[in-house]
Amino acid sequence: MRYRLTFIAGLALGYVLGTRAGRERYEQLKKSAQRLAENPAVRNAAESAAHGGRDFAGKAYHSVSEKVGDKVPVSVSDRVRSLRERSGHNGSDDWGTTNT
C-alpha cells in the first residue's frame, strides 16, 4: 500500500510540474509564432505566394477550359471568373503558348 501511495503521489506531482512546464513552453511557441506572422517580410512573401497561386490557377483554368470545352462544371467556371475579376486579370495572357 505504501508503494502504491508513493507512486500515485509521484504521478500527481509529475503531472502538475509537467503541465506547468508544458504551458510555459506553449506560451513561448505561441509568442514566437505571432512575431513570425507579424514580420513584414513573411507577410509579403505569403501575400506574394497567394497572388501567384491565384494567377497560376486562373491561367491553368483558361488553358484547360480551351482544351476541355463545355465539360467544366458551371460552379467551377463561375468561381474562377470571380477570382479573375477580383484580381483585375483581364484574361489576356501568354501562358501555354510557345514563342518561336
PDB file of N, CA and C in Angstrom:
ATOM      1  N   MET A   1       0.822  -1.182   0.000  1.00  0.00           N
ATOM      2  CA  MET A   1       0.000   0.000   0.000  1.00  0.00           C
ATOM      3  C   MET A   1       0.872   1.254   0.000  1.00  0.00           C
ATOM      4  N   ARG A   2       1.989   1.174   0.718  1.00  0.00           N
ATOM      5  CA  ARG A   2       2.879   2.325   0.801  1.00  0.00           C
ATOM      6  C   ARG A   2       3.453   2.662  -0.570  1.00  0.00           C
ATOM      7  N   TYR A   3       3.835   1.647  -1.353  1.00  0.00           N
ATOM      8  CA  TYR A   3       4.394   1.881  -2.676  1.00  0.00           C
ATOM      9  C   TYR A   3       3.345   2.439  -3.633  1.00  0.00           C
ATOM     10  N   ARG A   4       2.144   1.961  -3.486  1.00  0.00           N
ATOM     11  CA  ARG A   4       1.067   2.465  -4.328  1.00  0.00           C
ATOM     12  C   ARG A   4       0.800   3.943  -4.045  1.00  0.00           C
ATOM     13  N   LEU A   5       0.796   4.326  -2.787  1.00  0.00           N
ATOM     14  CA  LEU A   5       0.587   5.716  -2.406  1.00  0.00           C
ATOM     15  C   LEU A   5       1.741   6.596  -2.897  1.00  0.00           C
ATOM     16  N   THR A   6       2.971   6.101  -2.804  1.00  0.00           N
ATOM     17  CA  THR A   6       4.134   6.844  -3.295  1.00  0.00           C
ATOM     18  C   THR A   6       4.053   7.018  -4.808  1.00  0.00           C
ATOM     19  N   PHE A   7       3.648   5.961  -5.486  1.00  0.00           N
ATOM     20  CA  PHE A   7       3.509   6.028  -6.939  1.00  0.00           C
ATOM     21  C   PHE A   7       2.455   7.052  -7.345  1.00  0.00           C
ATOM     22  N   ILE A   8       1.315   7.054  -6.712  1.00  0.00           N
ATOM     23  CA  ILE A   8       0.237   7.990  -7.030  1.00  0.00           C
ATOM     24  C   ILE A   8       0.674   9.423  -6.731  1.00  0.00           C
ATOM     25  N   ALA A   9       1.376   9.638  -5.622  1.00  0.00           N
ATOM     26  CA  ALA A   9       1.868  10.975  -5.282  1.00  0.00           C
ATOM     27  C   ALA A   9       2.885  11.446  -6.319  1.00  0.00           C
ATOM     28  N   GLY A  10       3.772  10.569  -6.728  1.00  0.00           N
ATOM     29  CA  GLY A  10       4.758  10.914  -7.758  1.00  0.00           C
ATOM     30  C   GLY A  10       4.102  11.201  -9.093  1.00  0.00           C
ATOM     31  N   LEU A  11       3.095  10.438  -9.417  1.00  0.00           N
ATOM     32  CA  LEU A  11       2.358  10.656 -10.655  1.00  0.00           C
ATOM     33  C   LEU A  11       1.661  12.015 -10.637  1.00  0.00           C
ATOM     34  N   ALA A  12       1.032  12.348  -9.528  1.00  0.00           N
ATOM     35  CA  ALA A  12       0.346  13.638  -9.405  1.00  0.00           C
ATOM     36  C   ALA A  12       1.353  14.791  -9.478  1.00  0.00           C
ATOM     37  N   LEU A  13       2.473  14.664  -8.791  1.00  0.00           N
ATOM     38  CA  LEU A  13       3.487  15.708  -8.807  1.00  0.00           C
ATOM     39  C   LEU A  13       4.076  15.879 -10.217  1.00  0.00           C
ATOM     40  N   GLY A  14       4.353  14.784 -10.871  1.00  0.00           N
ATOM     41  CA  GLY A  14       4.874  14.841 -12.236  1.00  0.00           C
ATOM     42  C   GLY A  14       3.889  15.477 -13.199  1.00  0.00           C
ATOM     43  N   TYR A  15       2.626  15.170 -13.018  1.00  0.00           N
ATOM     44  CA  TYR A  15       1.598  15.767 -13.879  1.00  0.00           C
ATOM     45  C   TYR A  15       1.532  17.279 -13.697  1.00  0.00           C
ATOM     46  N   VAL A  16       1.529  17.717 -12.428  1.00  0.00           N
ATOM     47  CA  VAL A  16       1.445  19.149 -12.145  1.00  0.00           C
ATOM     48  C   VAL A  16       2.659  19.883 -12.688  1.00  0.00           C
ATOM     49  N   LEU A  17       3.854  19.365 -12.419  1.00  0.00           N
ATOM     50  CA  LEU A  17       5.070  20.020 -12.904  1.00  0.00           C
ATOM     51  C   LEU A  17       5.161  19.959 -14.430  1.00  0.00           C
ATOM     52  N   GLY A  18       4.756  18.865 -14.996  1.00  0.00           N
ATOM     53  CA  GLY A  18       4.801  18.712 -16.451  1.00  0.00           C
ATOM     54  C   GLY A  18       3.836  19.636 -17.170  1.00  0.00           C
ATOM     55  N   THR A  19       2.650  19.782 -16.624  1.00  0.00           N
ATOM     56  CA  THR A  19       1.687  20.677 -17.274  1.00  0.00           C
ATOM     57  C   THR A  19       2.114  22.128 -17.137  1.00  0.00           C
ATOM     58  N   ARG A  20       2.715  22.491 -16.024  1.00  0.00           N
ATOM     59  CA  ARG A  20       3.171  23.869 -15.854  1.00  0.00           C
ATOM     60  C   ARG A  20       4.305  24.157 -16.842  1.00  0.00           C
ATOM     61  N   ALA A  21       5.251  23.248 -16.967  1.00  0.00           N
ATOM     62  CA  ALA A  21       6.348  23.439 -17.914  1.00  0.00           C
ATOM     63  C   ALA A  21       5.823  23.401 -19.349  1.00  0.00           C
ATOM     64  N   GLY A  22       4.866  22.533 -19.597  1.00  0.00           N
ATOM     65  CA  GLY A  22       4.286  22.449 -20.926  1.00  0.00           C
ATOM     66  C   GLY A  22       3.537  23.713 -21.300  1.00  0.00           C
ATOM     67  N   ARG A  23       2.867  24.285 -20.355  1.00  0.00           N
ATOM     68  CA  ARG A  23       2.120  25.527 -20.605  1.00  0.00           C
ATOM     69  C   ARG A  23       3.085  26.679 -20.893  1.00  0.00           C
ATOM     70  N   GLU A  24       4.181  26.741 -20.145  1.00  0.00           N
ATOM     71  CA  GLU A  24       5.174  27.790 -20.384  1.00  0.00           C
ATOM     72  C   GLU A  24       5.784  27.645 -21.779  1.00  0.00           C
ATOM     73  N   ARG A  25       6.095  26.426 -22.152  1.00  0.00           N
ATOM     74  CA  ARG A  25       6.667  26.192 -23.484  1.00  0.00           C
ATOM     75  C   ARG A  25       5.647  26.524 -24.570  1.00  0.00           C
ATOM     76  N   TYR A  26       4.398  26.199 -24.338  1.00  0.00           N
ATOM     77  CA  TYR A  26       3.337  26.534 -25.294  1.00  0.00           C
ATOM     78  C   TYR A  26       3.236  28.046 -25.468  1.00  0.00           C
ATOM     79  N   GLU A  27       3.303  28.778 -24.377  1.00  0.00           N
ATOM     80  CA  GLU A  27       3.242  30.238 -24.456  1.00  0.00           C
ATOM     81  C   GLU A  27       4.444  30.793 -25.210  1.00  0.00           C
ATOM     82  N   GLN A  28       5.621  30.209 -25.015  1.00  0.00           N
ATOM     83  CA  GLN A  28       6.808  30.628 -25.755  1.00  0.00           C
ATOM     84  C   GLN A  28       6.613  30.406 -27.255  1.00  0.00           C
ATOM     85  N   LEU A  29       6.158  29.235 -27.619  1.00  0.00           N
ATOM     86  CA  LEU A  29       5.939  28.915 -29.033  1.00  0.00           C
ATOM     87  C   LEU A  29       4.878  29.822 -29.644  1.00  0.00           C
ATOM     88  N   LYS A  30       3.842  30.110 -28.884  1.00  0.00           N
ATOM     89  CA  LYS A  30       2.769  30.982 -29.368  1.00  0.00           C
ATOM     90  C   LYS A  30       3.286  32.389 -29.635  1.00  0.00           C
ATOM     91  N   LYS A  31       4.094  32.929 -28.725  1.00  0.00           N
ATOM     92  CA  LYS A  31       4.655  34.269 -28.909  1.00  0.00           C
ATOM     93  C   LYS A  31       5.585  34.322 -30.114  1.00  0.00           C
ATOM     94  N   SER A  32       6.415  33.301 -30.288  1.00  0.00           N
ATOM     95  CA  SER A  32       7.338  33.314 -31.424  1.00  0.00           C
ATOM     96  C   SER A  32       6.583  33.152 -32.741  1.00  0.00           C
ATOM     97  N   ALA A  33       5.505  32.399 -32.751  1.00  0.00           N
ATOM     98  CA  ALA A  33       4.700  32.268 -33.965  1.00  0.00           C
ATOM     99  C   ALA A  33       4.006  33.578 -34.302  1.00  0.00           C
ATOM    100  N   GLN A  34       3.539  34.293 -33.298  1.00  0.00           N
ATOM    101  CA  GLN A  34       2.916  35.598 -33.535  1.00  0.00           C
ATOM    102  C   GLN A  34       3.927  36.605 -34.068  1.00  0.00           C
ATOM    103  N   ARG A  35       5.138  36.600 -33.514  1.00  0.00           N
ATOM    104  CA  ARG A  35       6.185  37.501 -34.008  1.00  0.00           C
ATOM    105  C   ARG A  35       6.537  37.184 -35.455  1.00  0.00           C
ATOM    106  N   LEU A  36       6.595  35.904 -35.769  1.00  0.00           N
ATOM    107  CA  LEU A  36       6.901  35.489 -37.130  1.00  0.00           C
ATOM    108  C   LEU A  36       5.790  35.916 -38.085  1.00  0.00           C
ATOM    109  N   ALA A  37       4.543  35.750 -37.686  1.00  0.00           N
ATOM    110  CA  ALA A  37       3.420  36.121 -38.546  1.00  0.00           C
ATOM    111  C   ALA A  37       3.326  37.628 -38.737  1.00  0.00           C
ATOM    112  N   GLU A  38       3.788  38.406 -37.767  1.00  0.00           N
ATOM    113  CA  GLU A  38       3.745  39.857 -37.873  1.00  0.00           C
ATOM    114  C   GLU A  38       4.943  40.440 -38.610  1.00  0.00           C
ATOM    115  N   ASN A  39       5.920  39.622 -38.922  1.00  0.00           N
ATOM    116  CA  ASN A  39       7.111  40.076 -39.633  1.00  0.00           C
ATOM    117  C   ASN A  39       6.721  40.521 -41.043  1.00  0.00           C
ATOM    118  N   PRO A  40       7.072  41.738 -41.447  1.00  0.00           N
ATOM    119  CA  PRO A  40       6.676  42.237 -42.777  1.00  0.00           C
ATOM    120  C   PRO A  40       7.202  41.392 -43.931  1.00  0.00           C
ATOM    121  N   ALA A  41       8.400  40.861 -43.794  1.00  0.00           N
ATOM    122  CA  ALA A  41       8.953  40.032 -44.871  1.00  0.00           C
ATOM    123  C   ALA A  41       8.136  38.755 -45.050  1.00  0.00           C
ATOM    124  N   VAL A  42       7.723  38.168 -43.953  1.00  0.00           N
ATOM    125  CA  VAL A  42       6.921  36.941 -44.020  1.00  0.00           C
ATOM    126  C   VAL A  42       5.542  37.246 -44.599  1.00  0.00           C
ATOM    127  N   ARG A  43       4.953  38.354 -44.180  1.00  0.00           N
ATOM    128  CA  ARG A  43       3.629  38.732 -44.706  1.00  0.00           C
ATOM    129  C   ARG A  43       3.690  38.996 -46.198  1.00  0.00           C
ATOM    130  N   ASN A  44       4.724  39.709 -46.652  1.00  0.00           N
ATOM    131  CA  ASN A  44       4.863  39.984 -48.077  1.00  0.00           C
ATOM    132  C   ASN A  44       5.053  38.697 -48.871  1.00  0.00           C
ATOM    133  N   ALA A  45       5.847  37.779 -48.338  1.00  0.00           N
ATOM    134  CA  ALA A  45       6.066  36.511 -49.026  1.00  0.00           C
ATOM    135  C   ALA A  45       4.773  35.706 -49.108  1.00  0.00           C
ATOM    136  N   ALA A  46       3.989  35.705 -48.045  1.00  0.00           N
ATOM    137  CA  ALA A  46       2.729  34.967 -48.049  1.00  0.00           C
ATOM    138  C   ALA A  46       1.735  35.583 -49.033  1.00  0.00           C
ATOM    139  N   GLU A  47       1.656  36.913 -49.047  1.00  0.00           N
ATOM    140  CA  GLU A  47       0.743  37.572 -49.985  1.00  0.00           C
ATOM    141  C   GLU A  47       1.180  37.354 -51.422  1.00  0.00           C
ATOM    142  N   SER A  48       2.483  37.391 -51.656  1.00  0.00           N
ATOM    143  CA  SER A  48       3.012  37.165 -52.995  1.00  0.00           C
ATOM    144  C   SER A  48       2.720  35.737 -53.456  1.00  0.00           C
ATOM    145  N   ALA A  49       2.889  34.777 -52.558  1.00  0.00           N
ATOM    146  CA  ALA A  49       2.602  33.387 -52.906  1.00  0.00           C
ATOM    147  C   ALA A  49       1.119  33.188 -53.194  1.00  0.00           C
ATOM    148  N   ALA A  50       0.265  33.818 -52.418  1.00  0.00           N
ATOM    149  CA  ALA A  50      -1.180  33.695 -52.642  1.00  0.00           C
ATOM    150  C   ALA A  50      -1.572  34.320 -53.966  1.00  0.00           C
ATOM    151  N   HIS A  51      -1.011  35.486 -54.266  1.00  0.00           N
ATOM    152  CA  HIS A  51      -1.316  36.154 -55.530  1.00  0.00           C
ATOM    153  C   HIS A  51      -0.814  35.328 -56.710  1.00  0.00           C
ATOM    154  N   GLY A  52       0.398  34.806 -56.593  1.00  0.00           N
ATOM    155  CA  GLY A  52       0.943  33.950 -57.646  1.00  0.00           C
ATOM    156  C   GLY A  52       0.123  32.692 -57.846  1.00  0.00           C
ATOM    157  N   GLY A  53      -0.356  32.122 -56.766  1.00  0.00           N
ATOM    158  CA  GLY A  53      -1.197  30.922 -56.860  1.00  0.00           C
ATOM    159  C   GLY A  53      -2.509  31.206 -57.568  1.00  0.00           C
ATOM    160  N   ARG A  54      -3.120  32.362 -57.243  1.00  0.00           N
ATOM    161  CA  ARG A  54      -4.364  32.733 -57.923  1.00  0.00           C
ATOM    162  C   ARG A  54      -4.135  32.955 -59.405  1.00  0.00           C
ATOM    163  N   ASP A  55      -3.039  33.645 -59.738  1.00  0.00           N
ATOM    164  CA  ASP A  55      -2.729  33.874 -61.152  1.00  0.00           C
ATOM    165  C   ASP A  55      -2.503  32.560 -61.886  1.00  0.00           C
ATOM    166  N   PHE A  56      -1.740  31.676 -61.267  1.00  0.00           N
ATOM    167  CA  PHE A  56      -1.447  30.392 -61.887  1.00  0.00           C
ATOM    168  C   PHE A  56      -2.721  29.570 -62.074  1.00  0.00           C
ATOM    169  N   ALA A  57      -3.588  29.584 -61.074  1.00  0.00           N
ATOM    170  CA  ALA A  57      -4.841  28.826 -61.183  1.00  0.00           C
ATOM    171  C   ALA A  57      -5.713  29.382 -62.299  1.00  0.00           C
ATOM    172  N   GLY A  58      -5.773  30.687 -62.421  1.00  0.00           N
ATOM    173  CA  GLY A  58      -6.565  31.287 -63.492  1.00  0.00           C
ATOM    174  C   GLY A  58      -6.014  30.936 -64.861  1.00  0.00           C
ATOM    175  N   LYS A  59      -4.690  30.985 -65.011  1.00  0.00           N
ATOM    176  CA  LYS A  59      -4.070  30.629 -66.288  1.00  0.00           C
ATOM    177  C   LYS A  59      -4.280  29.155 -66.603  1.00  0.00           C
ATOM    178  N   ALA A  60      -4.134  28.316 -65.598  1.00  0.00           N
ATOM    179  CA  ALA A  60      -4.329  26.881 -65.808  1.00  0.00           C
ATOM    180  C   ALA A  60      -5.775  26.596 -66.194  1.00  0.00           C
ATOM    181  N   TYR A  61      -6.713  27.251 -65.541  1.00  0.00           N
ATOM    182  CA  TYR A  61      -8.117  27.044 -65.879  1.00  0.00           C
ATOM    183  C   TYR A  61      -8.389  27.471 -67.311  1.00  0.00           C
ATOM    184  N   HIS A  62      -7.848  28.602 -67.711  1.00  0.00           N
ATOM    185  CA  HIS A  62      -8.057  29.105 -69.068  1.00  0.00           C
ATOM    186  C   HIS A  62      -7.506  28.112 -70.097  1.00  0.00           C
ATOM    187  N   SER A  63      -6.300  27.622 -69.846  1.00  0.00           N
ATOM    188  CA  SER A  63      -5.675  26.682 -70.764  1.00  0.00           C
ATOM    189  C   SER A  63      -6.452  25.371 -70.838  1.00  0.00           C
ATOM    190  N   VAL A  64      -6.865  24.874 -69.691  1.00  0.00           N
ATOM    191  CA  VAL A  64      -7.601  23.599 -69.658  1.00  0.00           C
ATOM    192  C   VAL A  64      -8.994  23.762 -70.260  1.00  0.00           C
ATOM    193  N   SER A  65      -9.641  24.893 -69.980  1.00  0.00           N
ATOM    194  CA  SER A  65     -11.006  25.077 -70.494  1.00  0.00           C
ATOM    195  C   SER A  65     -11.018  25.169 -72.014  1.00  0.00           C
ATOM    196  N   GLU A  66      -9.953  25.696 -72.610  1.00  0.00           N
ATOM    197  CA  GLU A  66      -9.880  25.706 -74.071  1.00  0.00           C
ATOM    198  C   GLU A  66      -9.813  24.291 -74.631  1.00  0.00           C
ATOM    199  N   LYS A  67      -9.112  23.417 -73.929  1.00  0.00           N
ATOM    200  CA  LYS A  67      -8.956  22.043 -74.404  1.00  0.00           C
ATOM    201  C   LYS A  67     -10.166  21.183 -74.067  1.00  0.00           C
ATOM    202  N   VAL A  68     -10.785  21.447 -72.927  1.00  0.00           N
ATOM    203  CA  VAL A  68     -11.899  20.614 -72.465  1.00  0.00           C
ATOM    204  C   VAL A  68     -13.227  21.115 -73.025  1.00  0.00           C
ATOM    205  N   GLY A  69     -13.360  22.400 -73.158  1.00  0.00           N
ATOM    206  CA  GLY A  69     -14.586  22.968 -73.708  1.00  0.00           C
ATOM    207  C   GLY A  69     -15.646  23.148 -72.654  1.00  0.00           C
ATOM    208  N   ASP A  70     -16.864  22.723 -72.959  1.00  0.00           N
ATOM    209  CA  ASP A  70     -18.007  22.919 -72.072  1.00  0.00           C
ATOM    210  C   ASP A  70     -18.137  21.853 -70.993  1.00  0.00           C
ATOM    211  N   LYS A  71     -17.163  21.011 -70.844  1.00  0.00           N
ATOM    212  CA  LYS A  71     -17.255  19.933 -69.858  1.00  0.00           C
ATOM    213  C   LYS A  71     -16.877  20.380 -68.449  1.00  0.00           C
ATOM    214  N   VAL A  72     -16.435  21.625 -68.301  1.00  0.00           N
ATOM    215  CA  VAL A  72     -16.103  22.158 -66.977  1.00  0.00           C
ATOM    216  C   VAL A  72     -17.400  22.546 -66.283  1.00  0.00           C
ATOM    217  N   PRO A  73     -17.594  22.110 -65.042  1.00  0.00           N
ATOM    218  CA  PRO A  73     -18.831  22.456 -64.332  1.00  0.00           C
ATOM    219  C   PRO A  73     -19.002  23.967 -64.202  1.00  0.00           C
ATOM    220  N   VAL A  74     -20.227  24.403 -64.236  1.00  0.00           N
ATOM    221  CA  VAL A  74     -20.540  25.830 -64.167  1.00  0.00           C
ATOM    222  C   VAL A  74     -20.045  26.433 -62.852  1.00  0.00           C
ATOM    223  N   SER A  75     -20.153  25.687 -61.761  1.00  0.00           N
ATOM    224  CA  SER A  75     -19.716  26.224 -60.471  1.00  0.00           C
ATOM    225  C   SER A  75     -18.227  26.529 -60.484  1.00  0.00           C
ATOM    226  N   VAL A  76     -17.438  25.699 -61.145  1.00  0.00           N
ATOM    227  CA  VAL A  76     -16.000  25.942 -61.213  1.00  0.00           C
ATOM    228  C   VAL A  76     -15.713  27.153 -62.090  1.00  0.00           C
ATOM    229  N   SER A  77     -16.358  27.237 -63.221  1.00  0.00           N
ATOM    230  CA  SER A  77     -16.100  28.366 -64.120  1.00  0.00           C
ATOM    231  C   SER A  77     -16.539  29.686 -63.490  1.00  0.00           C
ATOM    232  N   ASP A  78     -17.633  29.678 -62.742  1.00  0.00           N
ATOM    233  CA  ASP A  78     -18.075  30.905 -62.048  1.00  0.00           C
ATOM    234  C   ASP A  78     -17.075  31.335 -60.984  1.00  0.00           C
ATOM    235  N   ARG A  79     -16.553  30.357 -60.244  1.00  0.00           N
ATOM    236  CA  ARG A  79     -15.598  30.673 -59.182  1.00  0.00           C
ATOM    237  C   ARG A  79     -14.311  31.246 -59.764  1.00  0.00           C
ATOM    238  N   VAL A  80     -13.808  30.660 -60.847  1.00  0.00           N
ATOM    239  CA  VAL A  80     -12.586  31.171 -61.454  1.00  0.00           C
ATOM    240  C   VAL A  80     -12.842  32.535 -62.071  1.00  0.00           C
ATOM    241  N   ARG A  81     -13.985  32.717 -62.667  1.00  0.00           N
ATOM    242  CA  ARG A  81     -14.312  34.014 -63.248  1.00  0.00           C
ATOM    243  C   ARG A  81     -14.341  35.090 -62.166  1.00  0.00           C
ATOM    244  N   SER A  82     -14.931  34.768 -61.008  1.00  0.00           N
ATOM    245  CA  SER A  82     -14.984  35.761 -59.932  1.00  0.00           C
ATOM    246  C   SER A  82     -13.594  36.053 -59.388  1.00  0.00           C
ATOM    247  N   LEU A  83     -12.733  35.046 -59.300  1.00  0.00           N
ATOM    248  CA  LEU A  83     -11.361  35.286 -58.865  1.00  0.00           C
ATOM    249  C   LEU A  83     -10.625  36.157 -59.862  1.00  0.00           C
ATOM    250  N   ARG A  84     -10.842  35.914 -61.135  1.00  0.00           N
ATOM    251  CA  ARG A  84     -10.175  36.685 -62.169  1.00  0.00           C
ATOM    252  C   ARG A  84     -10.643  38.142 -62.124  1.00  0.00           C
ATOM    253  N   GLU A  85     -11.933  38.365 -61.925  1.00  0.00           N
ATOM    254  CA  GLU A  85     -12.457  39.730 -61.862  1.00  0.00           C
ATOM    255  C   GLU A  85     -11.950  40.450 -60.620  1.00  0.00           C
ATOM    256  N   ARG A  86     -11.861  39.738 -59.508  1.00  0.00           N
ATOM    257  CA  ARG A  86     -11.424  40.353 -58.260  1.00  0.00           C
ATOM    258  C   ARG A  86      -9.958  40.768 -58.333  1.00  0.00           C
ATOM    259  N   SER A  87      -9.141  39.977 -59.016  1.00  0.00           N
ATOM    260  CA  SER A  87      -7.718  40.299 -59.079  1.00  0.00           C
ATOM    261  C   SER A  87      -7.394  41.266 -60.201  1.00  0.00           C
ATOM    262  N   GLY A  88      -8.377  41.634 -61.021  1.00  0.00           N
ATOM    263  CA  GLY A  88      -8.139  42.579 -62.097  1.00  0.00           C
ATOM    264  C   GLY A  88      -7.505  41.943 -63.312  1.00  0.00           C
ATOM    265  N   HIS A  89      -7.548  40.635 -63.399  1.00  0.00           N
ATOM    266  CA  HIS A  89      -6.970  39.912 -64.525  1.00  0.00           C
ATOM    267  C   HIS A  89      -7.931  39.991 -65.691  1.00  0.00           C
ATOM    268  N   ASN A  90      -7.466  40.504 -66.829  1.00  0.00           N
ATOM    269  CA  ASN A  90      -8.375  40.732 -67.949  1.00  0.00           C
ATOM    270  C   ASN A  90      -8.492  39.547 -68.900  1.00  0.00           C
ATOM    271  N   GLY A  91      -7.791  38.476 -68.621  1.00  0.00           N
ATOM    272  CA  GLY A  91      -7.947  37.281 -69.444  1.00  0.00           C
ATOM    273  C   GLY A  91      -6.929  37.177 -70.561  1.00  0.00           C
ATOM    274  N   SER A  92      -6.151  38.210 -70.811  1.00  0.00           N
ATOM    275  CA  SER A  92      -5.152  38.130 -71.860  1.00  0.00           C
ATOM    276  C   SER A  92      -3.819  37.730 -71.240  1.00  0.00           C
ATOM    277  N   ASP A  93      -3.343  36.588 -71.598  1.00  0.00           N
ATOM    278  CA  ASP A  93      -2.046  36.142 -71.122  1.00  0.00           C
ATOM    279  C   ASP A  93      -1.402  35.258 -72.179  1.00  0.00           C
ATOM    280  N   ASP A  94      -0.158  34.961 -71.982  1.00  0.00           N
ATOM    281  CA  ASP A  94       0.564  34.130 -72.933  1.00  0.00           C
ATOM    282  C   ASP A  94       0.941  32.788 -72.344  1.00  0.00           C
ATOM    283  N   TRP A  95       0.245  32.390 -71.298  1.00  0.00           N
ATOM    284  CA  TRP A  95       0.557  31.135 -70.636  1.00  0.00           C
ATOM    285  C   TRP A  95       0.147  29.978 -71.524  1.00  0.00           C
ATOM    286  N   GLY A  96       1.030  29.041 -71.702  1.00  0.00           N
ATOM    287  CA  GLY A  96       0.717  27.857 -72.517  1.00  0.00           C
ATOM    288  C   GLY A  96       1.003  28.056 -73.989  1.00  0.00           C
ATOM    289  N   THR A  97       1.507  29.202 -74.375  1.00  0.00           N
ATOM    290  CA  THR A  97       1.843  29.432 -75.776  1.00  0.00           C
ATOM    291  C   THR A  97       3.339  29.341 -75.940  1.00  0.00           C
ATOM    292  N   THR A  98       3.784  29.055 -77.121  1.00  0.00           N
ATOM    293  CA  THR A  98       5.208  28.964 -77.388  1.00  0.00           C
ATOM    294  C   THR A  98       5.650  30.160 -78.194  1.00  0.00           C
ATOM    295  N   ASN A  99       6.757  30.717 -77.829  1.00  0.00           N
ATOM    296  CA  ASN A  99       7.338  31.830 -78.564  1.00  0.00           C
ATOM    297  C   ASN A  99       8.458  31.291 -79.444  1.00  0.00           C
ATOM    298  N   THR A 100       8.337  31.456 -80.736  1.00  0.00           N
ATOM    299  CA  THR A 100       9.395  30.950 -81.622  1.00  0.00           C
ATOM    300  C   THR A 100      10.075  32.083 -82.339  1.00  0.00           C
TER     301      THR A 100
END
